[in-house]
Amino acid sequence: MTPSLRPIKRHRQRCREVRADMSDYLDGELDPSAAAAVERHARWCPNCRRMLSNLSRTLGGLRALRDQPTPADSPSSET
């Protein structure tokens, strides 16, 4: 591999590592050092920053749905 391609390969590898940690990061399950690494990488990597933002919105929406009562839970269904 040519020296000029090494930083690109390292960046792609780091992106894969960070993406693997994103869900745990958003759930608050990473240790402080790993969480800081995700934040640091997302600050300078636009692709990972966008993915983290999208995942955060998706998880937020799923959590909001989880907190909604289901028809079986609603008072009107208890007769």
PDB file of N, CA and C in Angstrom:
ATOM      1  N   MET A   1       0.844  -1.167   0.000  1.00  0.00           N
ATOM      2  CA  MET A   1       0.000   0.000   0.000  1.00  0.00           C
ATOM      3  C   MET A   1       0.891   1.232   0.000  1.00  0.00           C
ATOM      4  N   THR A   2       0.489   2.205  -0.774  1.00  0.00           N
ATOM      5  CA  THR A   2       1.279   3.430  -0.834  1.00  0.00           C
ATOM      6  C   THR A   2       1.072   4.238   0.440  1.00  0.00           C
ATOM      7  N   PRO A   3       2.094   4.978   0.859  1.00  0.00           N
ATOM      8  CA  PRO A   3       1.966   5.771   2.087  1.00  0.00           C
ATOM      9  C   PRO A   3       0.788   6.736   2.069  1.00  0.00           C
ATOM     10  N   SER A   4       0.429   7.246   0.912  1.00  0.00           N
ATOM     11  CA  SER A   4      -0.674   8.213   0.853  1.00  0.00           C
ATOM     12  C   SER A   4      -2.035   7.574   1.128  1.00  0.00           C
ATOM     13  N   LEU A   5      -2.160   6.260   0.993  1.00  0.00           N
ATOM     14  CA  LEU A   5      -3.429   5.580   1.251  1.00  0.00           C
ATOM     15  C   LEU A   5      -3.573   5.123   2.699  1.00  0.00           C
ATOM     16  N   ARG A   6      -2.502   5.089   3.453  1.00  0.00           N
ATOM     17  CA  ARG A   6      -2.571   4.609   4.840  1.00  0.00           C
ATOM     18  C   ARG A   6      -3.513   5.435   5.712  1.00  0.00           C
ATOM     19  N   PRO A   7      -3.464   6.770   5.658  1.00  0.00           N
ATOM     20  CA  PRO A   7      -4.409   7.529   6.492  1.00  0.00           C
ATOM     21  C   PRO A   7      -5.868   7.258   6.137  1.00  0.00           C
ATOM     22  N   ILE A   8      -6.148   7.050   4.863  1.00  0.00           N
ATOM     23  CA  ILE A   8      -7.521   6.758   4.446  1.00  0.00           C
ATOM     24  C   ILE A   8      -7.959   5.417   5.010  1.00  0.00           C
ATOM     25  N   LYS A   9      -7.091   4.433   4.939  1.00  0.00           N
ATOM     26  CA  LYS A   9      -7.426   3.110   5.466  1.00  0.00           C
ATOM     27  C   LYS A   9      -7.632   3.176   6.981  1.00  0.00           C
ATOM     28  N   ARG A  10      -6.782   3.919   7.678  1.00  0.00           N
ATOM     29  CA  ARG A  10      -6.942   4.070   9.133  1.00  0.00           C
ATOM     30  C   ARG A  10      -8.258   4.769   9.458  1.00  0.00           C
ATOM     31  N   HIS A  11      -8.587   5.790   8.671  1.00  0.00           N
ATOM     32  CA  HIS A  11      -9.841   6.516   8.902  1.00  0.00           C
ATOM     33  C   HIS A  11     -11.037   5.580   8.718  1.00  0.00           C
ATOM     34  N   ARG A  12     -11.038   4.799   7.670  1.00  0.00           N
ATOM     35  CA  ARG A  12     -12.149   3.873   7.426  1.00  0.00           C
ATOM     36  C   ARG A  12     -12.262   2.845   8.541  1.00  0.00           C
ATOM     37  N   GLN A  13     -11.127   2.364   9.019  1.00  0.00           N
ATOM     38  CA  GLN A  13     -11.136   1.404  10.127  1.00  0.00           C
ATOM     39  C   GLN A  13     -11.714   2.060  11.376  1.00  0.00           C
ATOM     40  N   ARG A  14     -11.313   3.289  11.638  1.00  0.00           N
ATOM     41  CA  ARG A  14     -11.819   4.004  12.812  1.00  0.00           C
ATOM     42  C   ARG A  14     -13.319   4.236  12.680  1.00  0.00           C
ATOM     43  N   CYS A  15     -13.780   4.566  11.492  1.00  0.00           N
ATOM     44  CA  CYS A  15     -15.223   4.737  11.270  1.00  0.00           C
ATOM     45  C   CYS A  15     -15.974   3.449  11.605  1.00  0.00           C
ATOM     46  N   ARG A  16     -15.462   2.319  11.168  1.00  0.00           N
ATOM     47  CA  ARG A  16     -16.112   1.036  11.475  1.00  0.00           C
ATOM     48  C   ARG A  16     -16.167   0.808  12.980  1.00  0.00           C
ATOM     49  N   GLU A  17     -15.087   1.118  13.674  1.00  0.00           N
ATOM     50  CA  GLU A  17     -15.053   0.932  15.127  1.00  0.00           C
ATOM     51  C   GLU A  17     -16.061   1.845  15.820  1.00  0.00           C
ATOM     52  N   VAL A  18     -16.093   3.095  15.406  1.00  0.00           N
ATOM     53  CA  VAL A  18     -17.011   4.055  16.020  1.00  0.00           C
ATOM     54  C   VAL A  18     -18.458   3.669  15.730  1.00  0.00           C
ATOM     55  N   ARG A  19     -18.750   3.280  14.512  1.00  0.00           N
ATOM     56  CA  ARG A  19     -20.121   2.892  14.168  1.00  0.00           C
ATOM     57  C   ARG A  19     -20.579   1.683  14.971  1.00  0.00           C
ATOM     58  N   ALA A  20     -19.666   0.781  15.262  1.00  0.00           N
ATOM     59  CA  ALA A  20     -20.011  -0.385  16.076  1.00  0.00           C
ATOM     60  C   ALA A  20     -20.361   0.023  17.505  1.00  0.00           C
ATOM     61  N   ASP A  21     -19.843   1.161  17.965  1.00  0.00           N
ATOM     62  CA  ASP A  21     -20.080   1.631  19.334  1.00  0.00           C
ATOM     63  C   ASP A  21     -21.224   2.628  19.451  1.00  0.00           C
ATOM     64  N   MET A  22     -21.785   3.076  18.343  1.00  0.00           N
ATOM     65  CA  MET A  22     -22.763   4.165  18.390  1.00  0.00           C
ATOM     66  C   MET A  22     -23.992   3.850  19.232  1.00  0.00           C
ATOM     67  N   SER A  23     -24.560   2.687  19.079  1.00  0.00           N
ATOM     68  CA  SER A  23     -25.762   2.345  19.832  1.00  0.00           C
ATOM     69  C   SER A  23     -25.468   2.324  21.330  1.00  0.00           C
ATOM     70  N   ASP A  24     -24.355   1.696  21.706  1.00  0.00           N
ATOM     71  CA  ASP A  24     -23.974   1.674  23.118  1.00  0.00           C
ATOM     72  C   ASP A  24     -23.696   3.081  23.628  1.00  0.00           C
ATOM     73  N   TYR A  25     -23.109   3.920  22.795  1.00  0.00           N
ATOM     74  CA  TYR A  25     -22.849   5.307  23.174  1.00  0.00           C
ATOM     75  C   TYR A  25     -24.162   6.025  23.481  1.00  0.00           C
ATOM     76  N   LEU A  26     -25.121   5.902  22.579  1.00  0.00           N
ATOM     77  CA  LEU A  26     -26.402   6.583  22.764  1.00  0.00           C
ATOM     78  C   LEU A  26     -27.190   6.026  23.941  1.00  0.00           C
ATOM     79  N   ASP A  27     -26.958   4.777  24.285  1.00  0.00           N
ATOM     80  CA  ASP A  27     -27.617   4.167  25.443  1.00  0.00           C
ATOM     81  C   ASP A  27     -26.868   4.442  26.741  1.00  0.00           C
ATOM     82  N   GLY A  28     -25.727   5.135  26.651  1.00  0.00           N
ATOM     83  CA  GLY A  28     -24.940   5.446  27.847  1.00  0.00           C
ATOM     84  C   GLY A  28     -24.221   4.242  28.421  1.00  0.00           C
ATOM     85  N   GLU A  29     -23.934   3.264  27.582  1.00  0.00           N
ATOM     86  CA  GLU A  29     -23.329   2.021  28.054  1.00  0.00           C
ATOM     87  C   GLU A  29     -21.819   1.947  27.844  1.00  0.00           C
ATOM     88  N   LEU A  30     -21.218   2.972  27.249  1.00  0.00           N
ATOM     89  CA  LEU A  30     -19.765   2.963  27.037  1.00  0.00           C
ATOM     90  C   LEU A  30     -19.061   3.568  28.242  1.00  0.00           C
ATOM     91  N   ASP A  31     -17.858   3.080  28.493  1.00  0.00           N
ATOM     92  CA  ASP A  31     -17.063   3.707  29.543  1.00  0.00           C
ATOM     93  C   ASP A  31     -16.680   5.111  29.069  1.00  0.00           C
ATOM     94  N   PRO A  32     -16.312   5.995  29.993  1.00  0.00           N
ATOM     95  CA  PRO A  32     -16.032   7.387  29.618  1.00  0.00           C
ATOM     96  C   PRO A  32     -14.978   7.545  28.522  1.00  0.00           C
ATOM     97  N   SER A  33     -13.967   6.713  28.527  1.00  0.00           N
ATOM     98  CA  SER A  33     -12.915   6.809  27.521  1.00  0.00           C
ATOM     99  C   SER A  33     -13.447   6.465  26.128  1.00  0.00           C
ATOM    100  N   ALA A  34     -14.219   5.401  26.035  1.00  0.00           N
ATOM    101  CA  ALA A  34     -14.788   4.995  24.745  1.00  0.00           C
ATOM    102  C   ALA A  34     -15.826   6.011  24.271  1.00  0.00           C
ATOM    103  N   ALA A  35     -16.612   6.550  25.190  1.00  0.00           N
ATOM    104  CA  ALA A  35     -17.598   7.572  24.821  1.00  0.00           C
ATOM    105  C   ALA A  35     -16.901   8.816  24.286  1.00  0.00           C
ATOM    106  N   ALA A  36     -15.816   9.209  24.927  1.00  0.00           N
ATOM    107  CA  ALA A  36     -15.055  10.376  24.466  1.00  0.00           C
ATOM    108  C   ALA A  36     -14.473  10.125  23.081  1.00  0.00           C
ATOM    109  N   ALA A  37     -14.062   8.894  22.813  1.00  0.00           N
ATOM    110  CA  ALA A  37     -13.508   8.560  21.498  1.00  0.00           C
ATOM    111  C   ALA A  37     -14.580   8.686  20.413  1.00  0.00           C
ATOM    112  N   VAL A  38     -15.797   8.252  20.710  1.00  0.00           N
ATOM    113  CA  VAL A  38     -16.893   8.388  19.748  1.00  0.00           C
ATOM    114  C   VAL A  38     -17.163   9.868  19.487  1.00  0.00           C
ATOM    115  N   GLU A  39     -17.237  10.656  20.547  1.00  0.00           N
ATOM    116  CA  GLU A  39     -17.499  12.094  20.405  1.00  0.00           C
ATOM    117  C   GLU A  39     -16.398  12.790  19.610  1.00  0.00           C
ATOM    118  N   ARG A  40     -15.171  12.461  19.924  1.00  0.00           N
ATOM    119  CA  ARG A  40     -14.027  13.077  19.246  1.00  0.00           C
ATOM    120  C   ARG A  40     -14.053  12.753  17.750  1.00  0.00           C
ATOM    121  N   HIS A  41     -14.288  11.495  17.429  1.00  0.00           N
ATOM    122  CA  HIS A  41     -14.322  11.086  16.024  1.00  0.00           C
ATOM    123  C   HIS A  41     -15.487  11.771  15.298  1.00  0.00           C
ATOM    124  N   ALA A  42     -16.656  11.803  15.929  1.00  0.00           N
ATOM    125  CA  ALA A  42     -17.838  12.390  15.287  1.00  0.00           C
ATOM    126  C   ALA A  42     -17.675  13.892  15.055  1.00  0.00           C
ATOM    127  N   ARG A  43     -16.859  14.542  15.861  1.00  0.00           N
ATOM    128  CA  ARG A  43     -16.631  15.984  15.661  1.00  0.00           C
ATOM    129  C   ARG A  43     -15.964  16.271  14.329  1.00  0.00           C
ATOM    130  N   TRP A  44     -15.043  15.409  13.897  1.00  0.00           N
ATOM    131  CA  TRP A  44     -14.307  15.703  12.660  1.00  0.00           C
ATOM    132  C   TRP A  44     -14.672  14.815  11.484  1.00  0.00           C
ATOM    133  N   CYS A  45     -15.517  13.818  11.692  1.00  0.00           N
ATOM    134  CA  CYS A  45     -15.920  12.939  10.586  1.00  0.00           C
ATOM    135  C   CYS A  45     -17.387  13.219  10.235  1.00  0.00           C
ATOM    136  N   PRO A  46     -17.635  13.902   9.128  1.00  0.00           N
ATOM    137  CA  PRO A  46     -19.022  14.256   8.795  1.00  0.00           C
ATOM    138  C   PRO A  46     -19.930  13.046   8.572  1.00  0.00           C
ATOM    139  N   ASN A  47     -19.412  11.977   8.019  1.00  0.00           N
ATOM    140  CA  ASN A  47     -20.242  10.788   7.787  1.00  0.00           C
ATOM    141  C   ASN A  47     -20.676  10.153   9.098  1.00  0.00           C
ATOM    142  N   CYS A  48     -19.752  10.002  10.024  1.00  0.00           N
ATOM    143  CA  CYS A  48     -20.094   9.400  11.317  1.00  0.00           C
ATOM    144  C   CYS A  48     -20.963  10.343  12.146  1.00  0.00           C
ATOM    145  N   ARG A  49     -20.713  11.642  12.047  1.00  0.00           N
ATOM    146  CA  ARG A  49     -21.540  12.620  12.760  1.00  0.00           C
ATOM    147  C   ARG A  49     -22.989  12.528  12.270  1.00  0.00           C
ATOM    148  N   ARG A  50     -23.167  12.438  10.963  1.00  0.00           N
ATOM    149  CA  ARG A  50     -24.509  12.322  10.377  1.00  0.00           C
ATOM    150  C   ARG A  50     -25.164  11.004  10.804  1.00  0.00           C
ATOM    151  N   MET A  51     -24.403   9.921  10.772  1.00  0.00           N
ATOM    152  CA  MET A  51     -24.951   8.628  11.169  1.00  0.00           C
ATOM    153  C   MET A  51     -25.353   8.638  12.647  1.00  0.00           C
ATOM    154  N   LEU A  52     -24.521   9.236  13.485  1.00  0.00           N
ATOM    155  CA  LEU A  52     -24.824   9.316  14.911  1.00  0.00           C
ATOM    156  C   LEU A  52     -26.087  10.145  15.142  1.00  0.00           C
ATOM    157  N   SER A  53     -26.221  11.233  14.423  1.00  0.00           N
ATOM    158  CA  SER A  53     -27.410  12.078  14.537  1.00  0.00           C
ATOM    159  C   SER A  53     -28.659  11.324  14.087  1.00  0.00           C
ATOM    160  N   ASN A  54     -28.576  10.638  12.969  1.00  0.00           N
ATOM    161  CA  ASN A  54     -29.717   9.864  12.462  1.00  0.00           C
ATOM    162  C   ASN A  54     -30.099   8.751  13.425  1.00  0.00           C
ATOM    163  N   LEU A  55     -29.110   8.056  13.947  1.00  0.00           N
ATOM    164  CA  LEU A  55     -29.376   6.974  14.892  1.00  0.00           C
ATOM    165  C   LEU A  55     -30.000   7.520  16.172  1.00  0.00           C
ATOM    166  N   SER A  56     -29.521   8.661  16.617  1.00  0.00           N
ATOM    167  CA  SER A  56     -30.075   9.291  17.815  1.00  0.00           C
ATOM    168  C   SER A  56     -31.549   9.638  17.614  1.00  0.00           C
ATOM    169  N   ARG A  57     -31.883  10.210  16.472  1.00  0.00           N
ATOM    170  CA  ARG A  57     -33.282  10.542  16.177  1.00  0.00           C
ATOM    171  C   ARG A  57     -34.141   9.278  16.071  1.00  0.00           C
ATOM    172  N   THR A  58     -33.607   8.253  15.436  1.00  0.00           N
ATOM    173  CA  THR A  58     -34.349   6.997  15.298  1.00  0.00           C
ATOM    174  C   THR A  58     -34.618   6.373  16.659  1.00  0.00           C
ATOM    175  N   LEU A  59     -33.593   6.301  17.492  1.00  0.00           N
ATOM    176  CA  LEU A  59     -33.772   5.727  18.826  1.00  0.00           C
ATOM    177  C   LEU A  59     -34.736   6.563  19.657  1.00  0.00           C
ATOM    178  N   GLY A  60     -34.659   7.882  19.515  1.00  0.00           N
ATOM    179  CA  GLY A  60     -35.596   8.751  20.229  1.00  0.00           C
ATOM    180  C   GLY A  60     -37.033   8.474  19.822  1.00  0.00           C
ATOM    181  N   GLY A  61     -37.252   8.295  18.536  1.00  0.00           N
ATOM    182  CA  GLY A  61     -38.586   7.971  18.049  1.00  0.00           C
ATOM    183  C   GLY A  61     -39.073   6.624  18.549  1.00  0.00           C
ATOM    184  N   LEU A  62     -38.190   5.646  18.556  1.00  0.00           N
ATOM    185  CA  LEU A  62     -38.564   4.317  19.057  1.00  0.00           C
ATOM    186  C   LEU A  62     -38.871   4.356  20.546  1.00  0.00           C
ATOM    187  N   ARG A  63     -38.102   5.119  21.297  1.00  0.00           N
ATOM    188  CA  ARG A  63     -38.362   5.245  22.741  1.00  0.00           C
ATOM    189  C   ARG A  63     -39.704   5.930  22.982  1.00  0.00           C
ATOM    190  N   ALA A  64     -40.014   6.937  22.170  1.00  0.00           N
ATOM    191  CA  ALA A  64     -41.302   7.617  22.310  1.00  0.00           C
ATOM    192  C   ALA A  64     -42.449   6.651  22.021  1.00  0.00           C
ATOM    193  N   LEU A  65     -42.300   5.819  21.008  1.00  0.00           N
ATOM    194  CA  LEU A  65     -43.327   4.823  20.702  1.00  0.00           C
ATOM    195  C   LEU A  65     -43.457   3.801  21.823  1.00  0.00           C
ATOM    196  N   ARG A  66     -42.331   3.406  22.383  1.00  0.00           N
ATOM    197  CA  ARG A  66     -42.337   2.425  23.467  1.00  0.00           C
ATOM    198  C   ARG A  66     -43.135   2.948  24.658  1.00  0.00           C
ATOM    199  N   ASP A  67     -43.078   4.253  24.878  1.00  0.00           N
ATOM    200  CA  ASP A  67     -43.740   4.847  26.035  1.00  0.00           C
ATOM    201  C   ASP A  67     -45.224   5.127  25.804  1.00  0.00           C
ATOM    202  N   GLN A  68     -45.705   4.915  24.587  1.00  0.00           N
ATOM    203  CA  GLN A  68     -47.120   5.128  24.281  1.00  0.00           C
ATOM    204  C   GLN A  68     -47.912   3.888  24.695  1.00  0.00           C
ATOM    205  N   PRO A  69     -49.104   4.089  25.240  1.00  0.00           N
ATOM    206  CA  PRO A  69     -49.911   2.912  25.597  1.00  0.00           C
ATOM    207  C   PRO A  69     -50.378   2.180  24.340  1.00  0.00           C
ATOM    208  N   THR A  70     -50.418   0.894  24.435  1.00  0.00           N
ATOM    209  CA  THR A  70     -50.944   0.089  23.334  1.00  0.00           C
ATOM    210  C   THR A  70     -52.460   0.011  23.488  1.00  0.00           C
ATOM    211  N   PRO A  71     -53.189  -0.345  22.447  1.00  0.00           N
ATOM    212  CA  PRO A  71     -54.646  -0.442  22.577  1.00  0.00           C
ATOM    213  C   PRO A  71     -55.073  -1.353  23.729  1.00  0.00           C
ATOM    214  N   ALA A  72     -54.338  -2.404  23.989  1.00  0.00           N
ATOM    215  CA  ALA A  72     -54.681  -3.308  25.089  1.00  0.00           C
ATOM    216  C   ALA A  72     -54.471  -2.640  26.439  1.00  0.00           C
ATOM    217  N   ASP A  73     -53.615  -1.625  26.501  1.00  0.00           N
ATOM    218  CA  ASP A  73     -53.342  -0.918  27.750  1.00  0.00           C
ATOM    219  C   ASP A  73     -54.320   0.221  28.010  1.00  0.00           C
ATOM    220  N   SER A  74     -55.067   0.634  27.017  1.00  0.00           N
ATOM    221  CA  SER A  74     -55.922   1.813  27.173  1.00  0.00           C
ATOM    222  C   SER A  74     -57.140   1.472  28.025  1.00  0.00           C
ATOM    223  N   PRO A  75     -57.619   2.429  28.831  1.00  0.00           N
ATOM    224  CA  PRO A  75     -58.765   2.175  29.717  1.00  0.00           C
ATOM    225  C   PRO A  75     -60.032   1.783  28.963  1.00  0.00           C
ATOM    226  N   SER A  76     -60.237   2.288  27.760  1.00  0.00           N
ATOM    227  CA  SER A  76     -61.468   1.984  27.023  1.00  0.00           C
ATOM    228  C   SER A  76     -61.535   0.533  26.568  1.00  0.00           C
ATOM    229  N   SER A  77     -60.403  -0.162  26.539  1.00  0.00           N
ATOM    230  CA  SER A  77     -60.414  -1.555  26.093  1.00  0.00           C
ATOM    231  C   SER A  77     -60.761  -2.513  27.223  1.00  0.00           C
ATOM    232  N   GLU A  78     -60.852  -1.990  28.454  1.00  0.00           N
ATOM    233  CA  GLU A  78     -61.178  -2.842  29.604  1.00  0.00           C
ATOM    234  C   GLU A  78     -62.675  -2.750  29.863  1.00  0.00           C
ATOM    235  N   THR A  79     -63.415  -3.733  29.382  1.00  0.00           N
ATOM    236  CA  THR A  79     -64.861  -3.718  29.593  1.00  0.00           C
ATOM    237  C   THR A  79     -65.315  -4.915  30.345  1.00  0.00           C
TER     238      THR A  79
END
